[in-house]
Amino acid sequence: MRVDKWLSAVNVVKRRTIATDMLKSGVVFINDIKAKASKDVKIGDKITIEYLKGAKSYEVLQIPTTKTIPKSKKEEYVKDF
């Protein structure tokens, strides 16, 4: 699954367009390498987003099979650092 799609599907960001804009701005890293929107996410990848107030890191636990997941099941797909 593409990283922009994954970020919106697991409710890290609200909309896919926001995720795409973040990737274009160069603030999203996968395994400490700057990511493009088309980069595929794999289980075990570490995704870091550098916000103005500091960086947040996430670990990919599962790849969702649907467009979005319920917010109550977010912990099954992503782990915050």
PDB file of N, CA and C in Angstrom:
ATOM      1  N   MET A   1       0.845  -1.180   0.000  1.00  0.00           N
ATOM      2  CA  MET A   1       0.000   0.000   0.000  1.00  0.00           C
ATOM      3  C   MET A   1       0.889   1.240   0.000  1.00  0.00           C
ATOM      4  N   ARG A   2       0.488   2.231  -0.757  1.00  0.00           N
ATOM      5  CA  ARG A   2       1.222   3.494  -0.824  1.00  0.00           C
ATOM      6  C   ARG A   2       1.222   4.190   0.531  1.00  0.00           C
ATOM      7  N   VAL A   3       2.281   4.926   0.829  1.00  0.00           N
ATOM      8  CA  VAL A   3       2.414   5.561   2.134  1.00  0.00           C
ATOM      9  C   VAL A   3       1.340   6.628   2.354  1.00  0.00           C
ATOM     10  N   ASP A   4       0.972   7.382   1.326  1.00  0.00           N
ATOM     11  CA  ASP A   4      -0.067   8.402   1.516  1.00  0.00           C
ATOM     12  C   ASP A   4      -1.418   7.753   1.821  1.00  0.00           C
ATOM     13  N   LYS A   5      -1.688   6.654   1.162  1.00  0.00           N
ATOM     14  CA  LYS A   5      -2.929   5.916   1.414  1.00  0.00           C
ATOM     15  C   LYS A   5      -2.931   5.313   2.812  1.00  0.00           C
ATOM     16  N   TRP A   6      -1.789   4.771   3.231  1.00  0.00           N
ATOM     17  CA  TRP A   6      -1.681   4.151   4.554  1.00  0.00           C
ATOM     18  C   TRP A   6      -1.879   5.179   5.661  1.00  0.00           C
ATOM     19  N   LEU A   7      -1.264   6.358   5.518  1.00  0.00           N
ATOM     20  CA  LEU A   7      -1.384   7.394   6.543  1.00  0.00           C
ATOM     21  C   LEU A   7      -2.837   7.806   6.764  1.00  0.00           C
ATOM     22  N   SER A   8      -3.614   7.903   5.694  1.00  0.00           N
ATOM     23  CA  SER A   8      -5.019   8.272   5.849  1.00  0.00           C
ATOM     24  C   SER A   8      -5.873   7.082   6.271  1.00  0.00           C
ATOM     25  N   ALA A   9      -5.551   5.879   5.826  1.00  0.00           N
ATOM     26  CA  ALA A   9      -6.357   4.700   6.153  1.00  0.00           C
ATOM     27  C   ALA A   9      -6.293   4.357   7.634  1.00  0.00           C
ATOM     28  N   VAL A  10      -5.134   4.537   8.260  1.00  0.00           N
ATOM     29  CA  VAL A  10      -4.993   4.188   9.679  1.00  0.00           C
ATOM     30  C   VAL A  10      -5.184   5.405  10.585  1.00  0.00           C
ATOM     31  N   ASN A  11      -5.716   6.481  10.050  1.00  0.00           N
ATOM     32  CA  ASN A  11      -6.096   7.676  10.806  1.00  0.00           C
ATOM     33  C   ASN A  11      -4.920   8.409  11.449  1.00  0.00           C
ATOM     34  N   VAL A  12      -3.754   8.400  10.793  1.00  0.00           N
ATOM     35  CA  VAL A  12      -2.636   9.228  11.256  1.00  0.00           C
ATOM     36  C   VAL A  12      -2.886  10.665  10.815  1.00  0.00           C
ATOM     37  N   VAL A  13      -3.379  10.840   9.586  1.00  0.00           N
ATOM     38  CA  VAL A  13      -3.806  12.152   9.095  1.00  0.00           C
ATOM     39  C   VAL A  13      -5.267  12.037   8.666  1.00  0.00           C
ATOM     40  N   LYS A  14      -5.958  13.177   8.599  1.00  0.00           N
ATOM     41  CA  LYS A  14      -7.398  13.144   8.327  1.00  0.00           C
ATOM     42  C   LYS A  14      -7.733  12.813   6.881  1.00  0.00           C
ATOM     43  N   ARG A  15      -6.969  13.368   5.935  1.00  0.00           N
ATOM     44  CA  ARG A  15      -7.284  13.156   4.519  1.00  0.00           C
ATOM     45  C   ARG A  15      -6.030  12.786   3.743  1.00  0.00           C
ATOM     46  N   ARG A  16      -6.234  12.063   2.666  1.00  0.00           N
ATOM     47  CA  ARG A  16      -5.110  11.635   1.836  1.00  0.00           C
ATOM     48  C   ARG A  16      -4.412  12.825   1.197  1.00  0.00           C
ATOM     49  N   THR A  17      -5.151  13.873   0.869  1.00  0.00           N
ATOM     50  CA  THR A  17      -4.524  15.054   0.264  1.00  0.00           C
ATOM     51  C   THR A  17      -3.546  15.709   1.235  1.00  0.00           C
ATOM     52  N   ILE A  18      -3.871  15.679   2.524  1.00  0.00           N
ATOM     53  CA  ILE A  18      -2.948  16.223   3.530  1.00  0.00           C
ATOM     54  C   ILE A  18      -1.685  15.377   3.566  1.00  0.00           C
ATOM     55  N   ALA A  19      -1.846  14.052   3.519  1.00  0.00           N
ATOM     56  CA  ALA A  19      -0.691  13.153   3.519  1.00  0.00           C
ATOM     57  C   ALA A  19       0.176  13.406   2.290  1.00  0.00           C
ATOM     58  N   THR A  20      -0.442  13.583   1.133  1.00  0.00           N
ATOM     59  CA  THR A  20       0.299  13.841  -0.102  1.00  0.00           C
ATOM     60  C   THR A  20       1.066  15.159  -0.007  1.00  0.00           C
ATOM     61  N   ASP A  21       0.442  16.188   0.551  1.00  0.00           N
ATOM     62  CA  ASP A  21       1.115  17.476   0.719  1.00  0.00           C
ATOM     63  C   ASP A  21       2.312  17.356   1.673  1.00  0.00           C
ATOM     64  N   MET A  22       2.154  16.573   2.733  1.00  0.00           N
ATOM     65  CA  MET A  22       3.252  16.374   3.681  1.00  0.00           C
ATOM     66  C   MET A  22       4.419  15.660   3.005  1.00  0.00           C
ATOM     67  N   LEU A  23       4.112  14.687   2.167  1.00  0.00           N
ATOM     68  CA  LEU A  23       5.164  13.963   1.451  1.00  0.00           C
ATOM     69  C   LEU A  23       5.872  14.870   0.448  1.00  0.00           C
ATOM     70  N   LYS A  24       5.115  15.733  -0.234  1.00  0.00           N
ATOM     71  CA  LYS A  24       5.720  16.673  -1.182  1.00  0.00           C
ATOM     72  C   LYS A  24       6.616  17.684  -0.472  1.00  0.00           C
ATOM     73  N   SER A  25       6.249  18.043   0.763  1.00  0.00           N
ATOM     74  CA  SER A  25       7.040  19.002   1.535  1.00  0.00           C
ATOM     75  C   SER A  25       8.316  18.384   2.100  1.00  0.00           C
ATOM     76  N   GLY A  26       8.388  17.062   2.091  1.00  0.00           N
ATOM     77  CA  GLY A  26       9.595  16.394   2.549  1.00  0.00           C
ATOM     78  C   GLY A  26       9.695  16.215   4.052  1.00  0.00           C
ATOM     79  N   VAL A  27       8.559  16.111   4.737  1.00  0.00           N
ATOM     80  CA  VAL A  27       8.583  15.953   6.190  1.00  0.00           C
ATOM     81  C   VAL A  27       8.272  14.519   6.630  1.00  0.00           C
ATOM     82  N   VAL A  28       8.059  13.618   5.676  1.00  0.00           N
ATOM     83  CA  VAL A  28       7.758  12.216   6.001  1.00  0.00           C
ATOM     84  C   VAL A  28       8.945  11.349   5.601  1.00  0.00           C
ATOM     85  N   PHE A  29       9.382  10.506   6.549  1.00  0.00           N
ATOM     86  CA  PHE A  29      10.516   9.621   6.319  1.00  0.00           C
ATOM     87  C   PHE A  29      10.106   8.184   6.615  1.00  0.00           C
ATOM     88  N   ILE A  30      10.534   7.257   5.766  1.00  0.00           N
ATOM     89  CA  ILE A  30      10.335   5.828   6.008  1.00  0.00           C
ATOM     90  C   ILE A  30      11.712   5.228   6.246  1.00  0.00           C
ATOM     91  N   ASN A  31      11.901   4.657   7.431  1.00  0.00           N
ATOM     92  CA  ASN A  31      13.193   4.097   7.828  1.00  0.00           C
ATOM     93  C   ASN A  31      14.321   5.116   7.633  1.00  0.00           C
ATOM     94  N   ASP A  32      14.061   6.364   8.036  1.00  0.00           N
ATOM     95  CA  ASP A  32      15.015   7.484   7.986  1.00  0.00           C
ATOM     96  C   ASP A  32      15.414   7.912   6.574  1.00  0.00           C
ATOM     97  N   ILE A  33      14.612   7.562   5.577  1.00  0.00           N
ATOM     98  CA  ILE A  33      14.828   8.000   4.195  1.00  0.00           C
ATOM     99  C   ILE A  33      13.604   8.799   3.764  1.00  0.00           C
ATOM    100  N   LYS A  34      13.844   9.991   3.182  1.00  0.00           N
ATOM    101  CA  LYS A  34      12.741  10.833   2.738  1.00  0.00           C
ATOM    102  C   LYS A  34      11.854  10.063   1.761  1.00  0.00           C
ATOM    103  N   ALA A  35      10.543  10.093   1.997  1.00  0.00           N
ATOM    104  CA  ALA A  35       9.610   9.277   1.222  1.00  0.00           C
ATOM    105  C   ALA A  35       8.852  10.102   0.191  1.00  0.00           C
ATOM    106  N   LYS A  36       8.486   9.435  -0.891  1.00  0.00           N
ATOM    107  CA  LYS A  36       7.583   9.995  -1.894  1.00  0.00           C
ATOM    108  C   LYS A  36       6.222   9.351  -1.700  1.00  0.00           C
ATOM    109  N   ALA A  37       5.169   9.966  -2.245  1.00  0.00           N
ATOM    110  CA  ALA A  37       3.804   9.471  -2.053  1.00  0.00           C
ATOM    111  C   ALA A  37       3.609   8.062  -2.606  1.00  0.00           C
ATOM    112  N   SER A  38       4.356   7.700  -3.615  1.00  0.00           N
ATOM    113  CA  SER A  38       4.174   6.400  -4.256  1.00  0.00           C
ATOM    114  C   SER A  38       4.948   5.282  -3.556  1.00  0.00           C
ATOM    115  N   LYS A  39       5.736   5.591  -2.536  1.00  0.00           N
ATOM    116  CA  LYS A  39       6.527   4.582  -1.832  1.00  0.00           C
ATOM    117  C   LYS A  39       5.611   3.589  -1.123  1.00  0.00           C
ATOM    118  N   ASP A  40       5.901   2.301  -1.282  1.00  0.00           N
ATOM    119  CA  ASP A  40       5.104   1.261  -0.633  1.00  0.00           C
ATOM    120  C   ASP A  40       5.539   1.080   0.813  1.00  0.00           C
ATOM    121  N   VAL A  41       4.547   0.827   1.673  1.00  0.00           N
ATOM    122  CA  VAL A  41       4.778   0.590   3.084  1.00  0.00           C
ATOM    123  C   VAL A  41       4.721  -0.914   3.333  1.00  0.00           C
ATOM    124  N   LYS A  42       5.643  -1.395   4.154  1.00  0.00           N
ATOM    125  CA  LYS A  42       5.680  -2.814   4.506  1.00  0.00           C
ATOM    126  C   LYS A  42       5.577  -2.952   6.025  1.00  0.00           C
ATOM    127  N   ILE A  43       5.148  -4.120   6.486  1.00  0.00           N
ATOM    128  CA  ILE A  43       5.053  -4.378   7.917  1.00  0.00           C
ATOM    129  C   ILE A  43       6.450  -4.268   8.530  1.00  0.00           C
ATOM    130  N   GLY A  44       6.545  -3.533   9.621  1.00  0.00           N
ATOM    131  CA  GLY A  44       7.822  -3.337  10.301  1.00  0.00           C
ATOM    132  C   GLY A  44       8.506  -2.030   9.953  1.00  0.00           C
ATOM    133  N   ASP A  45       8.014  -1.311   8.935  1.00  0.00           N
ATOM    134  CA  ASP A  45       8.603  -0.022   8.571  1.00  0.00           C
ATOM    135  C   ASP A  45       8.377   1.000   9.685  1.00  0.00           C
ATOM    136  N   LYS A  46       9.348   1.899   9.846  1.00  0.00           N
ATOM    137  CA  LYS A  46       9.243   2.997  10.802  1.00  0.00           C
ATOM    138  C   LYS A  46       8.995   4.278  10.019  1.00  0.00           C
ATOM    139  N   ILE A  47       7.868   4.922  10.293  1.00  0.00           N
ATOM    140  CA  ILE A  47       7.500   6.159   9.592  1.00  0.00           C
ATOM    141  C   ILE A  47       7.629   7.312  10.572  1.00  0.00           C
ATOM    142  N   THR A  48       8.379   8.332  10.179  1.00  0.00           N
ATOM    143  CA  THR A  48       8.582   9.518  11.014  1.00  0.00           C
ATOM    144  C   THR A  48       8.024  10.734  10.278  1.00  0.00           C
ATOM    145  N   ILE A  49       7.238  11.525  11.008  1.00  0.00           N
ATOM    146  CA  ILE A  49       6.693  12.767  10.462  1.00  0.00           C
ATOM    147  C   ILE A  49       7.255  13.905  11.304  1.00  0.00           C
ATOM    148  N   GLU A  50       7.908  14.859  10.652  1.00  0.00           N
ATOM    149  CA  GLU A  50       8.506  15.987  11.358  1.00  0.00           C
ATOM    150  C   GLU A  50       7.543  17.173  11.337  1.00  0.00           C
ATOM    151  N   TYR A  51       6.842  17.340  12.453  1.00  0.00           N
ATOM    152  CA  TYR A  51       5.945  18.483  12.618  1.00  0.00           C
ATOM    153  C   TYR A  51       6.752  19.670  13.117  1.00  0.00           C
ATOM    154  N   LEU A  52       6.135  20.847  13.133  1.00  0.00           N
ATOM    155  CA  LEU A  52       6.822  22.041  13.632  1.00  0.00           C
ATOM    156  C   LEU A  52       7.142  21.919  15.118  1.00  0.00           C
ATOM    157  N   LYS A  53       6.276  21.243  15.864  1.00  0.00           N
ATOM    158  CA  LYS A  53       6.480  21.104  17.314  1.00  0.00           C
ATOM    159  C   LYS A  53       7.333  19.900  17.671  1.00  0.00           C
ATOM    160  N   GLY A  54       7.796  19.154  16.701  1.00  0.00           N
ATOM    161  CA  GLY A  54       8.622  17.981  16.973  1.00  0.00           C
ATOM    162  C   GLY A  54       8.216  16.817  16.085  1.00  0.00           C
ATOM    163  N   ALA A  55       9.013  15.773  16.120  1.00  0.00           N
ATOM    164  CA  ALA A  55       8.776  14.621  15.253  1.00  0.00           C
ATOM    165  C   ALA A  55       7.935  13.567  15.971  1.00  0.00           C
ATOM    166  N   LYS A  56       7.123  12.849  15.193  1.00  0.00           N
ATOM    167  CA  LYS A  56       6.356  11.712  15.695  1.00  0.00           C
ATOM    168  C   LYS A  56       6.728  10.504  14.862  1.00  0.00           C
ATOM    169  N   SER A  57       6.902   9.369  15.519  1.00  0.00           N
ATOM    170  CA  SER A  57       7.274   8.147  14.822  1.00  0.00           C
ATOM    171  C   SER A  57       6.206   7.085  15.014  1.00  0.00           C
ATOM    172  N   TYR A  58       6.020   6.293  13.974  1.00  0.00           N
ATOM    173  CA  TYR A  58       5.033   5.226  13.974  1.00  0.00           C
ATOM    174  C   TYR A  58       5.669   3.969  13.395  1.00  0.00           C
ATOM    175  N   GLU A  59       5.217   2.814  13.868  1.00  0.00           N
ATOM    176  CA  GLU A  59       5.660   1.547  13.306  1.00  0.00           C
ATOM    177  C   GLU A  59       4.466   0.861  12.663  1.00  0.00           C
ATOM    178  N   VAL A  60       4.660   0.337  11.450  1.00  0.00           N
ATOM    179  CA  VAL A  60       3.599  -0.340  10.713  1.00  0.00           C
ATOM    180  C   VAL A  60       3.457  -1.753  11.272  1.00  0.00           C
ATOM    181  N   LEU A  61       2.272  -2.063  11.822  1.00  0.00           N
ATOM    182  CA  LEU A  61       2.011  -3.396  12.356  1.00  0.00           C
ATOM    183  C   LEU A  61       1.232  -4.262  11.368  1.00  0.00           C
ATOM    184  N   GLN A  62       0.302  -3.640  10.629  1.00  0.00           N
ATOM    185  CA  GLN A  62      -0.510  -4.339   9.633  1.00  0.00           C
ATOM    186  C   GLN A  62      -0.810  -3.385   8.491  1.00  0.00           C
ATOM    187  N   ILE A  63      -1.144  -3.967   7.352  1.00  0.00           N
ATOM    188  CA  ILE A  63      -1.595  -3.184   6.197  1.00  0.00           C
ATOM    189  C   ILE A  63      -3.110  -3.367   6.089  1.00  0.00           C
ATOM    190  N   PRO A  64      -3.894  -2.291   6.152  1.00  0.00           N
ATOM    191  CA  PRO A  64      -5.349  -2.447   6.063  1.00  0.00           C
ATOM    192  C   PRO A  64      -5.786  -2.910   4.675  1.00  0.00           C
ATOM    193  N   THR A  65      -6.852  -3.699   4.651  1.00  0.00           N
ATOM    194  CA  THR A  65      -7.388  -4.182   3.375  1.00  0.00           C
ATOM    195  C   THR A  65      -8.543  -3.316   2.901  1.00  0.00           C
ATOM    196  N   THR A  66      -9.050  -2.431   3.761  1.00  0.00           N
ATOM    197  CA  THR A  66     -10.148  -1.540   3.401  1.00  0.00           C
ATOM    198  C   THR A  66      -9.625  -0.110   3.273  1.00  0.00           C
ATOM    199  N   LYS A  67     -10.488   0.769   2.766  1.00  0.00           N
ATOM    200  CA  LYS A  67     -10.086   2.156   2.550  1.00  0.00           C
ATOM    201  C   LYS A  67      -9.758   2.861   3.867  1.00  0.00           C
ATOM    202  N   THR A  68     -10.561   2.630   4.889  1.00  0.00           N
ATOM    203  CA  THR A  68     -10.294   3.186   6.212  1.00  0.00           C
ATOM    204  C   THR A  68     -10.598   2.126   7.263  1.00  0.00           C
ATOM    205  N   ILE A  69     -10.052   2.336   8.439  1.00  0.00           N
ATOM    206  CA  ILE A  69     -10.327   1.434   9.554  1.00  0.00           C
ATOM    207  C   ILE A  69     -11.012   2.233  10.653  1.00  0.00           C
ATOM    208  N   PRO A  70     -11.762   1.570  11.536  1.00  0.00           N
ATOM    209  CA  PRO A  70     -12.348   2.300  12.671  1.00  0.00           C
ATOM    210  C   PRO A  70     -11.251   2.819  13.591  1.00  0.00           C
ATOM    211  N   LYS A  71     -11.473   3.990  14.172  1.00  0.00           N
ATOM    212  CA  LYS A  71     -10.463   4.579  15.055  1.00  0.00           C
ATOM    213  C   LYS A  71     -10.187   3.695  16.260  1.00  0.00           C
ATOM    214  N   SER A  72     -11.160   2.888  16.659  1.00  0.00           N
ATOM    215  CA  SER A  72     -10.970   2.005  17.807  1.00  0.00           C
ATOM    216  C   SER A  72      -9.977   0.879  17.505  1.00  0.00           C
ATOM    217  N   LYS A  73      -9.728   0.581  16.232  1.00  0.00           N
ATOM    218  CA  LYS A  73      -8.809  -0.495  15.856  1.00  0.00           C
ATOM    219  C   LYS A  73      -7.451   0.026  15.392  1.00  0.00           C
ATOM    220  N   LYS A  74      -7.167   1.293  15.608  1.00  0.00           N
ATOM    221  CA  LYS A  74      -5.917   1.893  15.158  1.00  0.00           C
ATOM    222  C   LYS A  74      -4.696   1.198  15.753  1.00  0.00           C
ATOM    223  N   GLU A  75      -4.798   0.747  17.013  1.00  0.00           N
ATOM    224  CA  GLU A  75      -3.657   0.119  17.691  1.00  0.00           C
ATOM    225  C   GLU A  75      -3.240  -1.192  17.032  1.00  0.00           C
ATOM    226  N   GLU A  76      -4.141  -1.828  16.264  1.00  0.00           N
ATOM    227  CA  GLU A  76      -3.806  -3.071  15.579  1.00  0.00           C
ATOM    228  C   GLU A  76      -2.945  -2.818  14.347  1.00  0.00           C
ATOM    229  N   TYR A  77      -2.980  -1.607  13.803  1.00  0.00           N
ATOM    230  CA  TYR A  77      -2.305  -1.291  12.550  1.00  0.00           C
ATOM    231  C   TYR A  77      -1.055  -0.437  12.726  1.00  0.00           C
ATOM    232  N   VAL A  78      -1.023   0.365  13.787  1.00  0.00           N
ATOM    233  CA  VAL A  78       0.090   1.303  13.965  1.00  0.00           C
ATOM    234  C   VAL A  78       0.466   1.403  15.445  1.00  0.00           C
ATOM    235  N   LYS A  79       1.775   1.540  15.699  1.00  0.00           N
ATOM    236  CA  LYS A  79       2.267   1.703  17.062  1.00  0.00           C
ATOM    237  C   LYS A  79       3.012   3.024  17.143  1.00  0.00           C
ATOM    238  N   ASP A  80       2.607   3.864  18.085  1.00  0.00           N
ATOM    239  CA  ASP A  80       3.270   5.162  18.283  1.00  0.00           C
ATOM    240  C   ASP A  80       4.542   4.976  19.082  1.00  0.00           C
ATOM    241  N   PHE A  81       5.548   5.816  18.792  1.00  0.00           N
ATOM    242  CA  PHE A  81       6.794   5.806  19.554  1.00  0.00           C
ATOM    243  C   PHE A  81       6.793   6.956  20.529  1.00  0.00           C
TER     244      PHE A  81
END
